[in-house]
Amino acid sequence: MTDLAEEVIADPVCLVVRLIGNVEKHLPAERVRDIVLTVVRARTGRRSLAQALHDDPSLLRTGRPPAPYCVAKLLMALHEAGAQNVALPRCGECGRACGYVGSSKGGHWGCSRCFDKPAVCAGCHEERRVVSRDRHGEPRCANCPDSEGDPLQELTELVTGLDPALDDGVILAALGRATVRPAGQRRLAWAVVARPDLLTGAGYEAPTPAALRFVDELVKAGATKVVRPACPRCHGVKALSKLLDGRRICWACFARHAAVPCFGCGAVREPATRDAEGRPLCPNCMIRQPENLEECVGCGRRKPVANRLPDGPRCQNCRPRITAECGICGRTALCDMSRATGQPWCDRCQQRWVACSGCGTVAQARSGTWEAPLCAKCTNSDPDFWARCPVCTITWQLSTRPCQRCVLDQQVRDLLGDATGAIRPELVPFQEALTSAERPDVAFAWVSRSKARDLLERIGRRAARYPRGPR
């Protein structure tokens, strides 16, 4: 392996910034780095981008495929930021420079004129360029738009008939937040008109995720007859972000379905990745793979990265921790620097649950003072600043791991449920009482005790053995 190939693995972003800097003289390196980090967020994507530009640096001047689609995205983002020396991506068919291109398999991209394949129009029955599709999925050319009713009007009539408290403006606004493009709005409207029960609990059979977003937006707008769908496996009302056997299920149930023994540690979990031989690896083993380790600027050892600072990556032991006055409680202790406030933040305050002095919500303290703490939303009301819990998509947080309440819910389901995570109806009130506790940290601490876990497992086994009670 050459030194440059090692840089593709160890520091792909630095390599990409350097290669762009060799060509583009009108953007500072800091701005280019921000663009690269924004365009490609995953480590594997950054390595793919770095490898493509390392193998063929002329992509920055020609913009011609074949190459990973992330190269085209990078070129468009650089031009939008004011780059003048790098090329716009060019269509692989006609060679035309484009501000927007579509992707296909094999590393090819192109303009819509070349990528849109002609088809027989359902209106004039001639082979022409497809500009839209009707409610039956049939292609339509520019001269033959679908005239079979207005799907948005049909949708508003359906929803107002179901829930008269909603008016047309509220419904259309919810539709616009669920999907922006007019074609997507028509497809969503046709799907809901064909299956009205998608609004009343059968949303797990939605043909598109936009239908679930539409249901959520209607509920947020005050709908009382529209029902958020429950996961068809565990019956919990939560974000249904995965598709399995034609049904939309929650992240936890999909992870349980996809769980296999990790080749590294043997833990039965959903694989985070697979090694070169196709063997599954859990998240903990993935970050400990040799190719994912980086040299810590603090201790000089190759270890998993805990923080990235201007001077380089830091491991868990060398991450910046200072003895300072905590910005929340005011006591002098070992602190991290809070990304939300930029102030020292001690371990005690990081774990503290409070009633927010701003909105009254019981949540983890993120700023304020010990007497008047503030939650995440009151610390920074910009929704784009925070990540969301990948399970419930509700909790605002800086990490992308499941929030504490969702971890608690999963543990309770593992203890009380069967092999699929489903909980028997007679145990549902008990499960809801545990997981809806005002302080999930307290409930989580109780569930983590060995005696409590043994008790919950016995309750679950007893409910499965005597579904109607002992005789």
Protein backbone atom coordinates (compact mmCIF):
# COMPACT_ATOMS: atom_id res chain seq x y z
CA MET A 1 0.00 0.00 0.00
CA THR A 2 1.45 3.39 -1.02
CA ASP A 3 1.63 6.41 1.29
CA LEU A 4 -1.04 8.17 -0.74
CA ALA A 5 -3.39 5.19 -0.51
CA GLU A 6 -2.84 5.18 3.24
CA GLU A 7 -3.92 8.84 3.32
CA VAL A 8 -7.13 7.88 1.52
CA ILE A 9 -7.88 5.64 4.49
CA ALA A 10 -6.48 7.73 7.34
CA ASP A 11 -7.39 11.30 6.31
CA PRO A 12 -9.53 11.39 3.14
CA VAL A 13 -10.82 14.93 3.74
CA CYS A 14 -7.31 16.40 3.90
CA LEU A 15 -6.40 14.62 0.66
CA VAL A 16 -9.50 15.93 -1.14
CA VAL A 17 -8.86 19.50 0.08
CA ARG A 18 -5.27 19.33 -1.11
CA LEU A 19 -6.21 18.00 -4.56
CA ILE A 20 -8.85 20.71 -4.96
CA GLY A 21 -6.35 23.33 -3.81
CA ASN A 22 -4.00 22.28 -6.61
CA VAL A 23 -6.70 23.31 -9.11
CA GLU A 24 -8.94 25.91 -7.50
CA LYS A 25 -7.30 29.21 -6.49
CA HIS A 26 -10.40 31.26 -5.66
CA LEU A 27 -11.57 29.42 -2.53
CA PRO A 28 -9.62 29.20 0.76
CA ALA A 29 -8.78 25.74 2.08
CA GLU A 30 -11.03 26.23 5.12
CA ARG A 31 -14.03 26.91 2.88
CA VAL A 32 -13.23 23.90 0.68
CA ARG A 33 -12.98 21.70 3.76
CA ASP A 34 -16.40 22.86 4.99
CA ILE A 35 -17.90 22.06 1.57
CA VAL A 36 -16.38 18.55 1.53
CA LEU A 37 -17.64 17.81 5.06
CA THR A 38 -21.13 19.03 4.12
CA VAL A 39 -21.41 17.24 0.78
CA VAL A 40 -20.18 13.86 2.07
CA ARG A 41 -20.93 13.12 5.71
CA ALA A 42 -20.15 9.41 6.00
CA ARG A 43 -16.60 8.14 6.40
CA THR A 44 -17.01 5.56 3.62
CA GLY A 45 -18.30 8.25 1.25
CA ARG A 46 -15.33 10.50 2.00
CA ARG A 47 -12.95 7.65 1.31
CA SER A 48 -14.73 6.88 -1.95
CA LEU A 49 -14.44 10.55 -2.97
CA ALA A 50 -10.77 10.71 -2.01
CA GLN A 51 -9.96 7.48 -3.86
CA ALA A 52 -11.72 8.69 -7.03
CA LEU A 53 -9.84 12.02 -7.07
CA HIS A 54 -6.56 10.29 -6.15
CA ASP A 55 -6.94 7.86 -9.05
CA ASP A 56 -8.01 10.55 -11.54
CA PRO A 57 -7.34 14.17 -10.46
CA SER A 58 -8.44 15.36 -13.92
CA LEU A 59 -12.06 14.87 -12.79
CA LEU A 60 -11.79 18.32 -11.19
CA ARG A 61 -11.02 19.91 -14.58
CA THR A 62 -13.16 17.78 -16.90
CA GLY A 63 -16.19 16.86 -14.76
CA ARG A 64 -16.73 13.79 -16.92
CA PRO A 65 -17.91 10.43 -15.61
CA PRO A 66 -17.39 7.59 -14.84
CA ALA A 67 -16.83 8.46 -11.19
CA PRO A 68 -18.81 8.18 -7.93
CA TYR A 69 -21.82 10.49 -7.83
CA CYS A 70 -20.32 12.27 -4.81
CA VAL A 71 -17.76 13.79 -7.23
CA ALA A 72 -20.59 15.42 -9.20
CA LYS A 73 -22.17 16.68 -5.95
CA LEU A 74 -18.84 18.14 -4.88
CA LEU A 75 -18.30 19.93 -8.21
CA MET A 76 -21.79 21.48 -8.05
CA ALA A 77 -21.24 22.61 -4.44
CA LEU A 78 -17.87 24.14 -5.28
CA HIS A 79 -19.38 26.13 -8.17
CA GLU A 80 -22.22 27.31 -5.96
CA ALA A 81 -19.61 28.59 -3.48
CA GLY A 82 -17.83 30.60 -6.19
CA ALA A 83 -15.20 28.25 -7.59
CA GLN A 84 -13.91 29.24 -11.03
CA ASN A 85 -11.17 26.74 -11.89
CA VAL A 86 -12.98 23.44 -11.34
CA ALA A 87 -15.45 22.18 -13.93
CA LEU A 88 -19.15 21.65 -13.58
CA PRO A 89 -20.18 18.00 -13.94
CA ARG A 90 -20.76 17.06 -17.57
CA CYS A 91 -23.38 14.70 -18.93
CA GLY A 92 -21.84 11.35 -19.81
CA GLU A 93 -24.02 11.13 -22.93
CA CYS A 94 -24.04 14.58 -24.57
CA GLY A 95 -21.08 16.16 -22.76
CA ARG A 96 -23.07 19.23 -21.75
CA ALA A 97 -22.07 21.01 -18.51
CA CYS A 98 -24.97 20.84 -16.05
CA GLY A 99 -25.85 22.48 -12.75
CA TYR A 100 -27.86 19.39 -11.88
CA VAL A 101 -27.31 15.81 -13.01
CA GLY A 102 -28.95 12.47 -12.28
CA SER A 103 -26.99 9.38 -11.26
CA SER A 104 -27.11 5.78 -12.34
CA LYS A 105 -25.26 2.58 -11.56
CA GLY A 106 -21.72 2.11 -12.75
CA GLY A 107 -20.50 5.59 -11.84
CA HIS A 108 -22.28 7.35 -14.71
CA TRP A 109 -24.25 10.56 -14.44
CA GLY A 110 -25.98 12.79 -16.94
CA CYS A 111 -28.57 15.46 -17.65
CA SER A 112 -32.27 14.74 -17.46
CA ARG A 113 -32.66 15.10 -21.23
CA CYS A 114 -30.31 12.15 -21.82
CA PHE A 115 -31.27 10.10 -18.75
CA ASP A 116 -35.02 10.28 -19.22
CA LYS A 117 -35.83 7.37 -21.49
CA PRO A 118 -38.70 7.89 -23.97
CA ALA A 119 -41.82 5.80 -23.44
CA VAL A 120 -45.23 5.31 -25.01
CA CYS A 121 -47.47 8.09 -23.69
CA ALA A 122 -50.77 6.90 -22.19
CA GLY A 123 -52.53 9.89 -23.81
CA CYS A 124 -51.35 10.07 -27.43
CA HIS A 125 -49.85 6.54 -27.55
CA GLU A 126 -46.69 7.84 -29.18
CA GLU A 127 -43.14 7.31 -27.95
CA ARG A 128 -42.10 10.61 -26.38
CA ARG A 129 -40.13 12.05 -23.47
CA VAL A 130 -41.88 11.42 -20.16
CA VAL A 131 -42.60 14.57 -18.15
CA SER A 132 -45.07 13.13 -15.63
CA ARG A 133 -47.07 10.06 -14.67
CA ASP A 134 -50.75 9.72 -13.97
CA ARG A 135 -52.47 8.14 -10.97
CA HIS A 136 -52.07 4.68 -12.54
CA GLY A 137 -48.32 5.16 -12.96
CA GLU A 138 -48.59 5.48 -16.75
CA PRO A 139 -46.19 7.86 -18.55
CA ARG A 140 -47.40 11.19 -19.94
CA CYS A 141 -45.71 13.50 -22.42
CA ALA A 142 -45.76 17.30 -22.29
CA ASN A 143 -48.81 17.45 -24.59
CA CYS A 144 -50.92 14.97 -22.62
CA PRO A 145 -51.15 15.94 -18.93
CA ASP A 146 -53.34 13.82 -16.70
CA SER A 147 -56.87 15.24 -16.76
CA GLU A 148 -58.50 12.67 -14.49
CA GLY A 149 -59.45 15.03 -11.67
CA ASP A 150 -57.37 17.20 -9.37
CA PRO A 151 -55.61 14.91 -6.84
CA LEU A 152 -54.97 17.75 -4.35
CA GLN A 153 -58.65 18.68 -4.30
CA GLU A 154 -59.60 15.02 -3.83
CA LEU A 155 -57.14 14.81 -0.96
CA THR A 156 -58.46 17.90 0.83
CA GLU A 157 -62.06 16.66 0.45
CA LEU A 158 -61.06 13.29 1.89
CA VAL A 159 -59.22 14.74 4.89
CA THR A 160 -61.86 17.37 5.71
CA GLY A 161 -64.50 14.66 5.52
CA LEU A 162 -62.50 12.60 7.99
CA ASP A 163 -61.62 15.51 10.29
CA PRO A 164 -63.80 18.63 9.75
CA ALA A 165 -61.59 20.63 12.14
CA LEU A 166 -58.95 20.90 9.39
CA ASP A 167 -59.40 23.36 6.54
CA ASP A 168 -57.94 23.19 3.03
CA GLY A 169 -55.11 25.60 3.81
CA VAL A 170 -53.88 23.55 6.76
CA ILE A 171 -54.04 20.32 4.74
CA LEU A 172 -52.15 21.75 1.78
CA ALA A 173 -49.54 23.27 4.10
CA ALA A 174 -49.03 19.85 5.72
CA LEU A 175 -48.74 18.29 2.27
CA GLY A 176 -46.09 20.86 1.29
CA ARG A 177 -44.04 20.05 4.39
CA ALA A 178 -44.34 16.31 3.75
CA THR A 179 -43.05 16.53 0.17
CA VAL A 180 -41.98 19.63 -1.72
CA ARG A 181 -42.05 18.67 -5.38
CA PRO A 182 -45.46 18.90 -7.16
CA ALA A 183 -45.01 15.44 -8.69
CA GLY A 184 -44.40 13.98 -5.24
CA GLN A 185 -47.46 15.76 -3.85
CA ARG A 186 -49.63 14.28 -6.61
CA ARG A 187 -48.29 10.77 -5.97
CA LEU A 188 -48.92 11.15 -2.25
CA ALA A 189 -52.44 12.45 -2.84
CA TRP A 190 -53.28 9.55 -5.18
CA ALA A 191 -51.91 7.03 -2.66
CA VAL A 192 -54.00 8.42 0.20
CA VAL A 193 -57.15 8.74 -1.93
CA ALA A 194 -56.75 5.11 -3.00
CA ARG A 195 -56.09 3.98 0.60
CA PRO A 196 -57.85 6.33 3.08
CA ASP A 197 -57.00 3.92 5.91
CA LEU A 198 -53.40 5.13 5.63
CA LEU A 199 -54.62 8.08 7.70
CA THR A 200 -56.32 5.98 10.37
CA GLY A 201 -53.67 3.51 11.46
CA ALA A 202 -52.61 1.57 8.35
CA GLY A 203 -49.77 3.96 7.54
CA TYR A 204 -47.25 1.14 7.98
CA GLU A 205 -48.40 -0.03 4.53
CA ALA A 206 -47.73 3.38 2.95
CA PRO A 207 -46.12 3.11 -0.51
CA THR A 208 -43.92 6.13 0.22
CA PRO A 209 -42.36 7.58 3.41
CA ALA A 210 -43.96 10.93 2.51
CA ALA A 211 -47.33 9.47 3.57
CA LEU A 212 -45.99 8.99 7.11
CA ARG A 213 -44.66 12.54 7.16
CA PHE A 214 -48.06 13.77 5.97
CA VAL A 215 -49.79 11.95 8.84
CA ASP A 216 -47.33 13.47 11.33
CA GLU A 217 -47.89 16.97 9.95
CA LEU A 218 -51.67 16.59 10.16
CA VAL A 219 -51.44 15.44 13.78
CA LYS A 220 -49.17 18.37 14.61
CA ALA A 221 -51.71 20.68 12.95
CA GLY A 222 -54.40 19.51 15.39
CA ALA A 223 -56.06 16.57 13.62
CA THR A 224 -57.96 14.35 16.05
CA LYS A 225 -59.18 11.64 13.66
CA VAL A 226 -55.86 11.07 11.91
CA VAL A 227 -53.82 8.34 13.65
CA ARG A 228 -50.08 7.82 13.67
CA PRO A 229 -49.43 4.18 12.69
CA ALA A 230 -47.92 1.69 15.10
CA CYS A 231 -45.06 -0.61 14.18
CA PRO A 232 -46.68 -3.85 12.93
CA ARG A 233 -44.09 -5.89 14.83
CA CYS A 234 -43.76 -4.34 18.29
CA HIS A 235 -47.00 -2.27 18.12
CA GLY A 236 -45.23 0.81 19.44
CA VAL A 237 -46.17 4.21 17.99
CA LYS A 238 -42.79 5.48 16.83
CA ALA A 239 -40.94 6.49 13.67
CA LEU A 240 -41.28 3.75 11.03
CA SER A 241 -38.02 4.33 9.19
CA LYS A 242 -37.34 0.85 7.77
CA LEU A 243 -39.06 -1.26 5.11
CA LEU A 244 -39.36 -5.02 5.57
CA ASP A 245 -41.58 -7.35 3.51
CA GLY A 246 -43.58 -4.41 2.18
CA ARG A 247 -44.31 -3.00 5.64
CA ARG A 248 -42.71 -0.04 7.38
CA ILE A 249 -41.33 -0.96 10.78
CA CYS A 250 -39.37 0.85 13.47
CA TRP A 251 -35.60 1.00 13.65
CA ALA A 252 -35.41 -1.28 16.70
CA CYS A 253 -37.46 -4.08 15.10
CA PHE A 254 -35.43 -3.90 11.90
CA ALA A 255 -32.21 -4.06 13.91
CA ARG A 256 -33.53 -7.14 15.71
CA HIS A 257 -34.52 -8.73 12.40
CA ALA A 258 -31.11 -7.98 10.85
CA ALA A 259 -29.11 -8.99 13.93
CA VAL A 260 -26.36 -11.57 13.39
CA PRO A 261 -23.35 -12.57 15.50
CA CYS A 262 -20.53 -10.06 15.09
CA PHE A 263 -17.40 -11.69 13.68
CA GLY A 264 -15.25 -9.62 16.02
CA CYS A 265 -16.87 -9.94 19.44
CA GLY A 266 -19.77 -12.35 18.91
CA ALA A 267 -22.43 -9.85 20.02
CA VAL A 268 -25.74 -10.42 18.23
CA ARG A 269 -26.48 -7.02 16.68
CA GLU A 270 -27.35 -5.38 13.41
CA PRO A 271 -24.07 -5.14 11.45
CA ALA A 272 -22.65 -1.66 11.06
CA THR A 273 -20.45 -2.86 8.20
CA ARG A 274 -18.74 -5.93 6.80
CA ASP A 275 -15.06 -6.61 6.41
CA ALA A 276 -13.23 -7.35 3.16
CA GLU A 277 -14.42 -10.96 3.33
CA GLY A 278 -18.06 -10.04 3.90
CA ARG A 279 -18.13 -10.93 7.60
CA PRO A 280 -20.44 -8.78 9.79
CA LEU A 281 -19.03 -6.30 12.28
CA CYS A 282 -20.92 -4.46 15.02
CA PRO A 283 -20.38 -0.69 15.53
CA ASN A 284 -17.86 -1.23 18.34
CA CYS A 285 -15.73 -3.58 16.25
CA MET A 286 -16.08 -1.40 13.16
CA ILE A 287 -14.46 1.65 14.79
CA ARG A 288 -11.66 -0.58 16.07
CA GLN A 289 -10.75 -1.90 12.63
CA PRO A 290 -7.14 -0.97 11.75
CA GLU A 291 -8.24 1.10 8.74
CA ASN A 292 -10.58 3.17 10.95
CA LEU A 293 -7.94 4.03 13.56
CA GLU A 294 -6.10 7.33 13.35
CA GLU A 295 -2.98 8.64 15.02
CA CYS A 296 -3.95 10.73 18.04
CA VAL A 297 -2.06 14.04 18.18
CA GLY A 298 -2.04 13.78 21.97
CA CYS A 299 -0.48 10.37 22.64
CA GLY A 300 0.71 9.42 19.15
CA ARG A 301 -1.12 6.08 19.19
CA ARG A 302 -3.46 4.80 16.50
CA LYS A 303 -6.83 4.69 18.27
CA PRO A 304 -10.54 5.41 17.59
CA VAL A 305 -11.20 9.14 17.22
CA ALA A 306 -13.21 10.79 20.00
CA ASN A 307 -12.77 14.45 18.93
CA ARG A 308 -11.42 16.28 15.90
CA LEU A 309 -9.67 19.55 16.69
CA PRO A 310 -7.85 22.03 14.44
CA ASP A 311 -4.53 20.39 15.37
CA GLY A 312 -5.79 16.87 14.53
CA PRO A 313 -7.78 13.90 15.91
CA ARG A 314 -7.88 13.03 19.59
CA CYS A 315 -8.59 9.69 21.26
CA GLN A 316 -10.92 9.22 24.22
CA ASN A 317 -8.10 9.64 26.74
CA CYS A 318 -6.64 12.72 25.06
CA ARG A 319 -9.85 14.56 24.26
CA PRO A 320 -9.83 18.11 25.60
CA ARG A 321 -10.92 18.04 29.22
CA ILE A 322 -10.05 20.89 31.51
CA THR A 323 -10.44 21.66 35.17
CA ALA A 324 -12.62 24.74 35.03
CA GLU A 325 -15.72 26.39 36.43
CA CYS A 326 -18.76 24.67 34.91
CA GLY A 327 -20.89 27.06 32.88
CA ILE A 328 -24.10 25.67 34.41
CA CYS A 329 -23.52 24.76 38.07
CA GLY A 330 -20.53 27.02 38.69
CA ARG A 331 -18.44 24.44 40.57
CA THR A 332 -14.82 23.79 39.60
CA ALA A 333 -14.50 20.30 38.18
CA LEU A 334 -13.19 18.28 35.24
CA CYS A 335 -15.16 19.55 32.23
CA ASP A 336 -15.71 19.06 28.52
CA MET A 337 -16.38 22.02 26.26
CA SER A 338 -20.08 22.09 25.35
CA ARG A 339 -20.68 22.30 21.61
CA ALA A 340 -24.03 23.95 22.29
CA THR A 341 -22.71 26.85 24.39
CA GLY A 342 -18.93 26.81 23.98
CA GLN A 343 -18.58 26.86 27.79
CA PRO A 344 -17.11 24.27 30.21
CA TRP A 345 -19.59 21.53 31.08
CA CYS A 346 -18.99 19.12 33.98
CA ASP A 347 -19.94 15.43 34.06
CA ARG A 348 -22.66 16.00 36.68
CA CYS A 349 -24.46 18.57 34.51
CA GLN A 350 -24.14 16.38 31.42
CA GLN A 351 -26.21 13.69 33.15
CA ARG A 352 -28.68 16.00 34.92
CA TRP A 353 -32.43 15.85 34.13
CA VAL A 354 -34.45 18.94 35.04
CA ALA A 355 -37.70 20.81 34.50
CA CYS A 356 -36.66 23.44 31.94
CA SER A 357 -37.08 26.97 33.30
CA GLY A 358 -37.94 28.17 29.79
CA CYS A 359 -40.68 25.78 28.64
CA GLY A 360 -41.28 23.50 31.62
CA THR A 361 -40.35 20.31 29.74
CA VAL A 362 -38.55 17.62 31.74
CA ALA A 363 -35.37 16.95 29.78
CA GLN A 364 -31.59 16.91 30.07
CA ALA A 365 -30.05 20.27 30.98
CA ARG A 366 -28.08 21.83 28.17
CA SER A 367 -27.45 25.40 29.39
CA GLY A 368 -28.68 28.03 31.83
CA THR A 369 -27.80 27.90 35.52
CA TRP A 370 -28.19 25.31 38.25
CA GLU A 371 -31.27 27.14 39.56
CA ALA A 372 -32.70 27.99 36.10
CA PRO A 373 -31.59 25.25 33.68
CA LEU A 374 -32.57 25.17 30.00
CA CYS A 375 -33.33 22.23 27.68
CA ALA A 376 -31.91 21.79 24.17
CA LYS A 377 -34.73 23.67 22.41
CA CYS A 378 -34.48 26.63 24.78
CA THR A 379 -30.68 26.64 24.50
CA ASN A 380 -30.77 26.96 20.71
CA SER A 381 -34.13 27.14 18.95
CA ASP A 382 -32.60 26.54 15.51
CA PRO A 383 -33.78 23.01 14.55
CA ASP A 384 -30.90 22.61 12.10
CA PHE A 385 -28.35 22.97 14.91
CA TRP A 386 -29.42 19.75 16.62
CA ALA A 387 -29.47 16.15 15.47
CA ARG A 388 -32.53 13.97 16.15
CA CYS A 389 -32.84 10.64 17.88
CA PRO A 390 -32.85 8.08 15.01
CA VAL A 391 -35.59 6.05 16.71
CA CYS A 392 -38.27 8.54 17.80
CA THR A 393 -37.02 11.49 15.64
CA ILE A 394 -38.36 13.76 18.40
CA THR A 395 -35.55 14.28 20.91
CA TRP A 396 -33.20 17.15 20.03
CA GLN A 397 -29.61 16.19 20.79
CA LEU A 398 -26.06 16.60 19.52
CA SER A 399 -25.38 12.88 19.00
CA THR A 400 -26.95 10.54 16.44
CA ARG A 401 -27.37 7.68 18.92
CA PRO A 402 -30.82 6.70 20.25
CA CYS A 403 -31.99 8.93 23.10
CA GLN A 404 -32.21 7.63 26.64
CA ARG A 405 -35.99 7.18 26.53
CA CYS A 406 -35.76 5.06 23.36
CA VAL A 407 -32.95 2.96 24.84
CA LEU A 408 -35.15 2.42 27.91
CA ASP A 409 -38.10 1.42 25.71
CA GLN A 410 -35.94 -1.08 23.83
CA GLN A 411 -34.60 -2.66 27.01
CA VAL A 412 -38.09 -3.04 28.47
CA ARG A 413 -39.33 -4.63 25.23
CA ASP A 414 -36.38 -7.03 25.23
CA LEU A 415 -37.23 -8.10 28.78
CA LEU A 416 -41.04 -8.27 28.54
CA GLY A 417 -41.50 -9.15 24.86
CA ASP A 418 -41.22 -12.29 22.80
CA ALA A 419 -38.59 -13.07 20.16
CA THR A 420 -40.01 -10.38 17.84
CA GLY A 421 -40.20 -7.74 20.58
CA ALA A 422 -44.01 -7.85 20.71
CA ILE A 423 -45.50 -7.42 24.18
CA ARG A 424 -48.68 -9.23 25.16
CA PRO A 425 -51.71 -6.89 25.54
CA GLU A 426 -52.02 -7.45 29.29
CA LEU A 427 -48.45 -6.14 29.78
CA VAL A 428 -48.77 -3.06 27.57
CA PRO A 429 -50.00 -0.74 30.39
CA PHE A 430 -47.05 -1.84 32.55
CA GLN A 431 -44.60 -1.27 29.69
CA GLU A 432 -46.07 2.16 28.95
CA ALA A 433 -45.85 3.16 32.61
CA LEU A 434 -42.15 2.31 32.66
CA THR A 435 -41.16 3.94 29.37
CA SER A 436 -43.28 7.07 29.81
CA ALA A 437 -41.77 7.92 33.19
CA GLU A 438 -41.11 11.64 33.55
CA ARG A 439 -37.48 10.86 34.41
CA PRO A 440 -36.30 8.11 32.02
CA ASP A 441 -32.85 8.21 33.62
CA VAL A 442 -34.34 7.01 36.93
CA ALA A 443 -36.36 4.25 35.22
CA PHE A 444 -33.30 3.26 33.18
CA ALA A 445 -31.17 2.99 36.33
CA TRP A 446 -33.82 0.72 37.92
CA VAL A 447 -34.15 -1.49 34.83
CA SER A 448 -30.36 -1.84 34.66
CA ARG A 449 -30.27 -3.52 38.09
CA SER A 450 -29.91 -7.30 37.88
CA LYS A 451 -32.82 -8.00 40.25
CA ALA A 452 -35.14 -5.74 38.25
CA ARG A 453 -34.12 -7.38 34.97
CA ASP A 454 -34.73 -10.85 36.40
CA LEU A 455 -38.17 -9.73 37.63
CA LEU A 456 -39.16 -8.30 34.24
CA GLU A 457 -37.98 -11.43 32.43
CA ARG A 458 -40.05 -13.63 34.76
CA ILE A 459 -43.11 -11.43 34.18
CA GLY A 460 -42.64 -11.70 30.41
CA ARG A 461 -42.22 -15.50 30.50
CA ARG A 462 -45.22 -15.90 32.80
CA ALA A 463 -47.43 -13.79 30.47
CA ALA A 464 -46.35 -15.93 27.52
CA ARG A 465 -47.02 -19.18 29.41
CA TYR A 466 -50.41 -18.10 30.79
CA PRO A 467 -51.84 -15.63 28.25
CA ARG A 468 -55.19 -15.53 30.05
CA GLY A 469 -53.87 -16.04 33.54
CA PRO A 470 -53.12 -19.27 35.41
CA ARG A 471 -55.91 -21.81 35.67
